[in-house]
Protein backbone atom coordinates (compact mmCIF):
# COMPACT_ATOMS: atom_id res chain seq x y z
CA MET A 1 -27.76 4.85 13.13
CA SER A 2 -27.01 1.16 13.58
CA ARG A 3 -23.71 -0.33 12.46
CA PRO A 4 -24.02 -1.46 8.82
CA ILE A 5 -21.96 -4.64 9.36
CA THR A 6 -23.23 -7.67 11.26
CA GLU A 7 -21.45 -8.75 14.43
CA LEU A 8 -20.84 -12.19 12.91
CA ALA A 9 -19.07 -10.70 9.88
CA LEU A 10 -16.99 -8.48 12.15
CA HIS A 11 -15.99 -11.47 14.26
CA LEU A 12 -15.11 -13.75 11.35
CA ALA A 13 -12.97 -11.27 9.43
CA ARG A 14 -11.18 -9.77 12.46
CA ALA A 15 -10.61 -6.69 10.30
CA PHE A 16 -12.13 -4.02 12.52
CA VAL A 17 -10.94 -2.63 15.82
CA PRO A 18 -13.84 -3.35 18.24
CA TYR A 19 -14.45 0.26 19.25
CA PRO A 20 -17.94 1.13 20.49
CA TRP A 21 -19.91 2.06 17.39
CA GLN A 22 -20.15 5.80 16.83
CA PRO A 23 -21.82 7.00 13.61
CA VAL A 24 -19.86 9.59 11.62
CA GLU A 25 -21.83 12.12 9.60
CA HIS A 26 -21.43 12.08 5.83
CA ALA A 27 -22.87 14.14 2.99
CA PRO A 28 -26.22 12.82 1.69
CA ASP A 29 -24.93 12.83 -1.88
CA GLY A 30 -21.75 13.36 -3.83
CA PRO A 31 -19.35 11.54 -6.16
CA LEU A 32 -18.88 8.69 -3.66
CA SER A 33 -22.53 8.42 -2.62
CA GLY A 34 -23.60 4.83 -2.06
CA LEU A 35 -20.10 3.62 -1.21
CA THR A 36 -18.94 2.45 2.21
CA PHE A 37 -15.39 2.74 3.49
CA ALA A 38 -13.17 1.73 6.39
CA VAL A 39 -10.18 3.57 7.83
CA LYS A 40 -6.85 2.21 9.09
CA ASP A 41 -6.40 2.96 12.79
CA LEU A 42 -3.60 5.44 12.11
CA PHE A 43 -6.08 8.05 10.85
CA ASP A 44 -8.05 10.25 13.23
CA VAL A 45 -11.81 9.82 12.95
CA ALA A 46 -14.13 12.03 14.98
CA GLY A 47 -15.66 10.10 17.88
CA TYR A 48 -12.92 7.45 17.99
CA PRO A 49 -9.45 7.11 19.52
CA THR A 50 -6.43 6.38 17.31
CA GLY A 51 -4.70 3.25 18.59
CA CYS A 52 -1.98 2.64 15.95
CA GLY A 53 -2.08 -1.12 16.66
CA CYS A 54 -0.42 -0.60 20.06
CA PRO A 55 -2.36 -1.13 23.32
CA LEU A 56 -0.37 1.47 25.26
CA TRP A 57 -0.73 4.05 22.52
CA LEU A 58 -4.46 3.35 22.49
CA ALA A 59 -4.66 3.76 26.28
CA GLN A 60 -3.10 7.22 25.95
CA SER A 61 -5.19 8.33 22.99
CA GLU A 62 -8.07 10.67 23.56
CA VAL A 63 -11.26 10.39 21.54
CA LYS A 64 -10.73 12.64 18.53
CA SER A 65 -12.93 15.66 17.99
CA ARG A 66 -12.21 15.95 14.26
CA SER A 67 -11.34 13.60 11.44
CA ALA A 68 -8.16 13.68 9.41
CA PRO A 69 -8.72 15.88 6.33
CA VAL A 70 -8.47 12.92 3.94
CA VAL A 71 -11.21 11.10 5.90
CA GLN A 72 -13.37 14.22 5.92
CA GLN A 73 -12.87 14.60 2.18
CA LEU A 74 -14.39 11.14 1.65
CA LEU A 75 -17.27 11.86 4.02
CA SER A 76 -17.97 15.16 2.25
CA ALA A 77 -18.05 13.28 -1.06
CA GLY A 78 -20.90 11.10 0.25
CA ALA A 79 -19.02 7.94 1.30
CA ARG A 80 -20.26 6.25 4.48
CA PHE A 81 -17.81 5.29 7.23
CA VAL A 82 -18.22 1.76 8.64
CA GLY A 83 -15.33 1.40 11.09
CA LYS A 84 -11.64 1.60 11.93
CA THR A 85 -9.43 -1.29 10.91
CA HIS A 86 -6.50 -3.06 12.53
CA THR A 87 -2.93 -2.13 11.66
CA ASP A 88 0.35 -3.84 12.36
CA GLU A 89 1.90 -2.37 15.51
CA LEU A 90 2.92 1.27 14.94
CA ALA A 91 2.75 0.39 11.21
CA PHE A 92 6.28 -1.10 11.30
CA SER A 93 5.58 -4.47 9.68
CA MET A 94 4.47 -5.97 6.40
CA ASN A 95 2.90 -9.25 7.55
CA GLY A 96 -0.48 -8.36 9.01
CA LYS A 97 0.19 -10.16 12.29
CA ASN A 98 -0.35 -8.03 15.39
CA ALA A 99 0.90 -9.68 18.59
CA HIS A 100 -1.77 -7.89 20.64
CA PHE A 101 -4.83 -7.92 18.38
CA GLY A 102 -4.35 -10.92 16.12
CA MET A 103 -4.32 -11.29 12.34
CA PRO A 104 -7.17 -10.11 10.07
CA LEU A 105 -8.52 -12.67 7.63
CA ASN A 106 -7.27 -12.62 4.06
CA GLY A 107 -10.55 -12.79 2.14
CA ALA A 108 -8.90 -14.10 -1.02
CA ALA A 109 -6.63 -16.73 0.57
CA PRO A 110 -7.72 -17.43 4.16
CA GLU A 111 -4.78 -19.71 4.94
CA ARG A 112 -2.28 -16.97 4.05
CA ILE A 113 -1.23 -13.71 5.70
CA PRO A 114 -3.15 -10.59 4.63
CA GLY A 115 -0.02 -8.45 4.51
CA GLY A 116 0.54 -5.27 6.44
CA SER A 117 0.67 -2.85 7.87
CA SER A 118 -2.72 -1.95 6.35
CA SER A 119 -3.92 -5.46 7.16
CA GLY A 120 -7.39 -4.69 8.48
CA SER A 121 -8.26 -2.40 5.58
CA ALA A 122 -7.28 -5.03 3.01
CA SER A 123 -9.17 -7.67 4.99
CA ALA A 124 -12.31 -5.55 5.19
CA VAL A 125 -12.37 -4.97 1.43
CA SER A 126 -11.39 -8.50 0.43
CA ASN A 127 -14.10 -9.93 2.70
CA GLY A 128 -16.73 -7.64 1.16
CA LEU A 129 -17.35 -5.67 4.37
CA CYS A 130 -16.93 -2.29 2.64
CA ASP A 131 -16.41 -0.95 -0.87
CA PHE A 132 -13.02 0.62 -0.28
CA ALA A 133 -10.66 1.35 2.60
CA LEU A 134 -7.88 3.74 3.47
CA GLY A 135 -4.39 2.55 4.31
CA THR A 136 -0.91 3.99 4.49
CA ASP A 137 2.12 2.95 2.48
CA THR A 138 5.63 3.69 3.74
CA GLY A 139 7.58 0.70 2.50
CA GLY A 140 4.78 -1.30 0.90
CA SER A 141 1.92 -1.31 3.41
CA VAL A 142 -0.80 -0.89 0.76
CA ARG A 143 0.86 -2.63 -2.15
CA ALA A 144 1.75 -5.79 -0.20
CA PRO A 145 -1.77 -6.38 1.24
CA ALA A 146 -3.32 -5.58 -2.13
CA ASN A 147 -1.13 -8.24 -3.75
CA HIS A 148 -1.93 -10.78 -1.05
CA CYS A 149 -5.69 -10.14 -0.89
CA GLY A 150 -6.43 -9.78 -4.60
CA LEU A 151 -7.20 -6.05 -4.58
CA PHE A 152 -6.46 -2.88 -6.47
CA GLY A 153 -4.12 -0.71 -4.42
CA ILE A 154 -2.15 2.50 -4.82
CA ARG A 155 0.85 4.23 -3.36
CA PRO A 156 0.37 7.82 -4.62
CA THR A 157 3.04 10.33 -5.51
CA HIS A 158 4.69 11.26 -2.22
CA GLY A 159 2.91 14.28 -0.74
CA ARG A 160 -0.04 14.13 -3.17
CA VAL A 161 -2.58 13.20 -0.46
CA PRO A 162 -2.30 15.16 2.83
CA LEU A 163 -1.38 13.21 5.96
CA GLU A 164 -2.50 15.69 8.61
CA GLY A 165 -4.23 13.78 11.41
CA VAL A 166 -2.43 10.54 10.51
CA HIS A 167 0.24 8.94 12.73
CA ASP A 168 3.64 8.98 11.04
CA LEU A 169 6.10 6.16 10.62
CA ALA A 170 8.80 7.65 8.36
CA PRO A 171 7.49 10.97 7.01
CA SER A 172 9.67 11.20 3.91
CA PHE A 173 8.22 7.85 2.75
CA ASP A 174 4.69 7.92 4.25
CA THR A 175 1.75 8.09 1.83
CA CYS A 176 -2.02 7.59 2.01
CA GLY A 177 -3.34 4.87 -0.28
CA TRP A 178 -6.52 2.87 -0.64
CA PHE A 179 -7.93 -0.53 -1.66
CA ALA A 180 -10.89 -1.56 -3.81
CA ARG A 181 -12.16 -4.77 -5.35
CA ASP A 182 -13.04 -3.21 -8.72
CA ALA A 183 -11.34 -0.69 -10.97
CA ARG A 184 -14.31 1.68 -11.19
CA THR A 185 -14.56 2.18 -7.44
CA PHE A 186 -10.78 2.42 -7.21
CA ALA A 187 -10.73 5.26 -9.73
CA ARG A 188 -13.78 7.04 -8.24
CA VAL A 189 -11.97 7.37 -4.93
CA GLY A 190 -8.90 8.67 -6.73
CA ARG A 191 -10.82 11.39 -8.51
CA VAL A 192 -12.00 12.70 -5.15
CA LEU A 193 -8.67 12.50 -3.32
CA LEU A 194 -6.26 13.43 -6.11
CA GLY A 195 -7.92 16.11 -8.20
CA ASP A 196 -6.48 16.66 -11.66
CA ASP A 197 -3.03 15.57 -12.78
CA PRO A 198 -0.59 18.19 -14.01
CA LEU A 199 0.85 15.45 -16.23
CA SER A 200 -0.80 13.49 -19.04
CA LEU A 201 -0.11 9.86 -19.91
CA ALA A 202 -2.22 9.68 -23.05
CA THR A 203 0.36 7.49 -24.80
CA PRO A 204 2.46 5.81 -22.12
CA ARG A 205 5.66 3.98 -23.01
CA LEU A 206 5.38 0.64 -21.27
CA LEU A 207 8.77 -0.49 -20.00
CA TRP A 208 9.89 -3.95 -18.88
CA PRO A 209 12.53 -3.48 -16.12
CA GLU A 210 14.49 -6.68 -16.55
CA ASP A 211 16.51 -6.14 -13.36
CA LEU A 212 13.32 -6.07 -11.26
CA TRP A 213 11.88 -9.12 -13.02
CA ALA A 214 15.13 -10.95 -12.29
CA LEU A 215 14.27 -10.68 -8.57
CA VAL A 216 11.33 -13.09 -8.89
CA SER A 217 11.32 -16.78 -9.71
CA PRO A 218 10.60 -18.13 -13.21
CA GLU A 219 7.32 -19.51 -11.81
CA VAL A 220 6.18 -16.02 -10.75
CA THR A 221 7.21 -14.53 -14.10
CA GLU A 222 5.31 -17.29 -15.88
CA ALA A 223 2.21 -16.59 -13.79
CA LEU A 224 2.36 -12.83 -14.47
CA ALA A 225 3.42 -12.87 -18.13
CA PRO A 226 -0.09 -13.36 -19.60
CA SER A 227 -1.35 -10.43 -17.53
CA ALA A 228 1.53 -8.25 -18.70
CA THR A 229 0.67 -9.18 -22.28
CA ARG A 230 -2.96 -8.18 -21.68
CA VAL A 231 -1.83 -4.87 -20.19
CA SER A 232 0.32 -4.19 -23.24
CA ALA A 233 -2.56 -5.05 -25.56
CA ALA A 234 -5.10 -2.98 -23.61
CA LEU A 235 -2.93 0.13 -23.59
CA GLY A 236 -1.38 -0.33 -27.01
CA GLY A 237 -4.61 -0.87 -28.90
CA ALA A 238 -3.40 -4.15 -30.35
CA SER A 239 -2.23 -7.53 -29.22
CA ALA A 240 1.30 -6.53 -28.25
CA PRO A 241 3.47 -9.41 -27.02
CA LEU A 242 6.05 -8.85 -24.30
CA PRO A 243 9.02 -8.45 -26.64
CA ARG A 244 7.41 -5.24 -27.96
CA MET A 245 7.47 -3.78 -24.45
CA ARG A 246 10.74 -1.87 -24.32
CA VAL A 247 13.28 -3.53 -22.03
CA THR A 248 14.91 -1.19 -19.55
CA GLN A 249 16.66 -1.03 -16.18
CA ALA A 250 15.05 0.24 -12.98
CA VAL A 251 18.28 0.27 -10.97
CA GLY A 252 20.94 0.52 -13.65
CA GLU A 253 24.27 1.84 -12.42
CA PHE A 254 23.06 1.63 -8.83
CA THR A 255 22.95 -1.63 -6.90
CA PHE A 256 20.00 -3.20 -5.12
CA GLU A 257 22.10 -3.59 -2.00
CA ALA A 258 23.06 0.11 -1.86
CA LEU A 259 19.49 1.28 -2.53
CA TYR A 260 18.11 -1.18 0.01
CA TRP A 261 20.35 0.20 2.76
CA ALA A 262 19.63 3.78 1.75
CA PHE A 263 15.93 3.03 2.17
CA ARG A 264 16.41 1.14 5.43
CA HIS A 265 18.65 3.78 7.01
CA ILE A 266 16.35 6.69 6.13
CA GLN A 267 13.24 4.79 7.22
CA GLY A 268 14.84 3.53 10.43
CA PHE A 269 16.22 6.93 11.42
CA GLU A 270 12.88 8.64 10.82
CA ALA A 271 10.89 5.89 12.55
CA TRP A 272 13.00 6.27 15.68
CA GLN A 273 12.58 10.05 15.61
CA VAL A 274 8.80 9.56 15.46
CA ASP A 275 8.26 6.68 17.91
CA GLY A 276 11.54 6.44 19.82
CA PRO A 277 10.54 8.90 22.57
CA PHE A 278 7.33 6.92 23.19
CA ILE A 279 9.18 3.58 23.24
CA GLU A 280 11.96 4.84 25.52
CA GLY A 281 9.58 6.72 27.78
CA PHE A 282 6.95 4.03 28.31
CA GLY A 283 8.56 0.73 27.34
CA PRO A 284 5.57 -0.79 25.51
CA PRO A 285 5.84 -4.57 24.98
CA LEU A 286 6.35 -4.65 21.22
CA GLY A 287 5.58 -7.79 19.25
CA PRO A 288 8.00 -10.06 17.33
CA GLY A 289 9.63 -8.38 14.36
CA VAL A 290 8.43 -4.93 15.37
CA ALA A 291 10.59 -4.94 18.53
CA GLU A 292 13.66 -5.97 16.56
CA ARG A 293 13.08 -3.35 13.86
CA PHE A 294 12.75 -0.53 16.39
CA ALA A 295 15.80 -1.78 18.28
CA TRP A 296 17.76 -1.64 15.03
CA ALA A 297 16.27 1.75 14.09
CA ARG A 298 17.60 3.15 17.35
CA THR A 299 21.16 2.40 16.18
CA VAL A 300 20.93 4.21 12.83
CA THR A 301 23.18 7.26 12.85
CA GLU A 302 22.55 10.66 11.33
CA ALA A 303 25.56 10.07 9.07
CA GLN A 304 23.97 6.87 7.72
CA LYS A 305 20.71 8.70 7.16
CA ASP A 306 22.47 11.54 5.34
CA ALA A 307 24.37 9.11 3.13
CA GLY A 308 21.09 7.41 2.33
CA TRP A 309 19.59 10.75 1.29
CA THR A 310 22.56 11.50 -0.97
CA LEU A 311 22.07 8.20 -2.78
CA ARG A 312 18.30 8.64 -2.82
CA ARG A 313 18.54 12.01 -4.60
CA ALA A 314 21.05 10.70 -7.12
CA TYR A 315 18.93 7.63 -7.85
CA SER A 316 15.72 9.63 -8.21
CA ASP A 317 17.38 12.00 -10.69
CA TRP A 318 18.73 9.04 -12.66
CA LEU A 319 15.32 7.36 -12.79
CA ASP A 320 13.74 10.60 -14.01
CA ARG A 321 16.18 10.68 -16.91
CA GLN A 322 15.68 6.98 -17.57
CA LEU A 323 11.88 7.02 -17.71
CA GLY A 324 11.21 10.53 -18.98
CA PRO A 325 7.73 12.09 -18.76
CA ASP A 326 5.85 9.12 -20.25
CA GLY A 327 7.68 5.96 -19.14
CA VAL A 328 5.65 3.46 -17.10
CA LEU A 329 7.37 0.47 -15.55
CA VAL A 330 5.47 -2.83 -15.62
CA LEU A 331 6.72 -4.89 -12.69
CA PRO A 332 5.76 -7.61 -10.20
CA THR A 333 4.20 -6.08 -7.12
CA MET A 334 5.71 -8.62 -4.71
CA PRO A 335 8.18 -11.52 -4.95
CA ASP A 336 5.34 -14.05 -4.86
CA ILE A 337 1.91 -14.82 -3.44
CA ALA A 338 1.31 -14.29 0.27
CA PRO A 339 3.21 -16.63 2.60
CA LEU A 340 1.19 -19.11 4.60
CA ALA A 341 -0.01 -17.76 7.95
CA ALA A 342 1.75 -20.66 9.68
CA SER A 343 5.14 -19.63 8.28
CA PRO A 344 7.83 -19.11 10.95
CA GLU A 345 8.98 -15.59 11.73
CA ASP A 346 12.35 -16.05 10.01
CA ALA A 347 10.64 -17.09 6.77
CA LEU A 348 8.36 -14.06 6.91
CA GLN A 349 11.36 -11.82 7.53
CA ASP A 350 13.17 -13.31 4.53
CA TYR A 351 10.10 -12.65 2.35
CA ARG A 352 10.00 -9.05 3.64
CA GLU A 353 13.65 -8.49 2.76
CA ARG A 354 13.08 -9.74 -0.78
CA ALA A 355 9.92 -7.66 -1.13
CA LEU A 356 11.62 -4.42 -0.14
CA ARG A 357 13.90 -4.62 -3.17
CA LEU A 358 10.82 -4.39 -5.39
CA LEU A 359 8.84 -1.98 -3.23
CA MET A 360 11.62 0.52 -2.51
CA ILE A 361 11.73 1.85 -6.10
CA SER A 362 8.52 3.83 -5.64
CA GLY A 363 9.45 4.97 -2.14
CA LEU A 364 12.94 6.19 -2.98
CA SER A 365 11.80 8.02 -6.12
CA GLY A 366 8.49 9.37 -4.77
CA ARG A 367 6.69 7.97 -7.82
CA PRO A 368 3.14 6.58 -7.81
CA GLN A 369 2.55 2.85 -8.16
CA VAL A 370 -0.70 0.97 -8.68
CA THR A 371 -1.10 -2.77 -8.27
CA LEU A 372 -3.74 -4.74 -10.15
CA PRO A 373 -5.11 -8.18 -9.14
CA LEU A 374 -4.56 -9.76 -12.54
CA ALA A 375 -2.99 -13.14 -11.83
CA ARG A 376 -3.05 -16.15 -9.54
CA ARG A 377 -0.55 -18.82 -8.56
CA ASP A 378 -1.20 -21.92 -6.48
CA GLY A 379 -4.76 -20.67 -5.97
CA ALA A 380 -3.73 -17.33 -4.45
CA PRO A 381 -3.73 -13.78 -5.90
CA LEU A 382 -0.66 -12.26 -7.48
CA GLY A 383 -0.44 -8.58 -8.39
CA LEU A 384 1.07 -6.78 -11.36
CA SER A 385 2.12 -3.14 -10.94
CA LEU A 386 2.42 0.02 -13.01
CA LEU A 387 4.86 2.67 -11.78
CA GLY A 388 4.58 6.06 -13.45
CA PRO A 389 6.04 9.56 -13.37
CA ARG A 390 5.45 11.75 -10.34
CA GLN A 391 2.02 13.43 -10.39
CA SER A 392 0.65 10.94 -12.94
CA ASP A 393 -1.61 9.31 -10.31
CA CYS A 394 -4.95 9.94 -11.99
CA ALA A 395 -3.52 8.98 -15.35
CA LEU A 396 -2.43 5.66 -13.84
CA LEU A 397 -5.95 5.13 -12.50
CA SER A 398 -7.32 5.76 -15.98
CA LEU A 399 -4.93 3.14 -17.34
CA VAL A 400 -6.22 0.73 -14.68
CA GLU A 401 -9.78 1.36 -15.88
CA GLN A 402 -8.73 0.75 -19.49
CA ILE A 403 -7.09 -2.53 -18.54
CA ALA A 404 -10.13 -3.66 -16.54
CA GLU A 405 -12.49 -2.72 -19.36
CA ALA A 406 -10.39 -4.63 -21.86
CA ALA A 407 -10.47 -7.65 -19.55
CA THR A 408 -14.27 -7.61 -19.51
CA ARG A 409 -14.21 -7.68 -23.30
CA GLY A 410 -11.90 -10.69 -23.21
CA LEU A 411 -8.89 -8.84 -24.62
């Protein structure tokens, strides 16, 4: 079987790891028949190594004899594998720039970063090289690229999709997500990977978390407000302006600073437990940003991690009480559109720090979040998110379909 993507397209997008092409068997029919998909190079795929965006890790990786269960699930549903995609180094970045393998092309805004660490997967979908693609999301690595590349993206309920055969970053935050250009494909993939929800969101209460919206500029709020109004109208059955969306708090009695450090300390401690032995044992030359983050992660103490967990549990319990079984937060996915690719490293780091204050809510609480490509600013995509109760993943995907259908009707 020849590779279904031309060499020119592969070269221009820079989305795919240039492994020798090895066909992977898929079912002749099934719920995903006719769809093509790509896989972030953290997932094992039979016939390929798993490089994790790190040359030394790649050199030590054997060719895998079996695919990660989530990959096999897609193959068994009839989807056709088209290649493995680049990731930021060891998945510990949010920019999409890999010092060793370059930066995949943002198909929606070529002069801007694609976002990471699932950079290649977002690039492949946004450049039309496949119908959907798998990524991972620990601190925002699906949601950020989806925002930047104008895609639908999901961070599922933590633990909802199995991560066997996938390289960890910080296991208590790691999730498997995916990208698609259209809501129907996005939901089709979800029905295969998620099964049925134990929780219904037939009549969601849409909530406007004013403390999260205060993190973005008035220009970003202005760009997203019409989309939020359309979401309210699509799900409320009438033209419901923003003031009718109940105003709430996403952080409340907690502070962004405290939650930020709880997230960072837990993530850093776990990341060093996962990759520290490899880094100390082999001394791989890590790229800018990634090297500094691992150096910092090495210093995180068990006491800091434990304190982070104490706050994390308290915050998650508070958010459960705040939102109840039917509350859905409507929030900006990221602080703004993707930064320009030419931005200096310190500017990208500043953007990352601001982004984490939005992205950490889902990670700390374990709740699912979907981002929708509903807006644009300065000619680049800008995402709007829905964050729902745990185990409401399929219900959120159904809401996404309702919103997309309403958009086609001009509502």
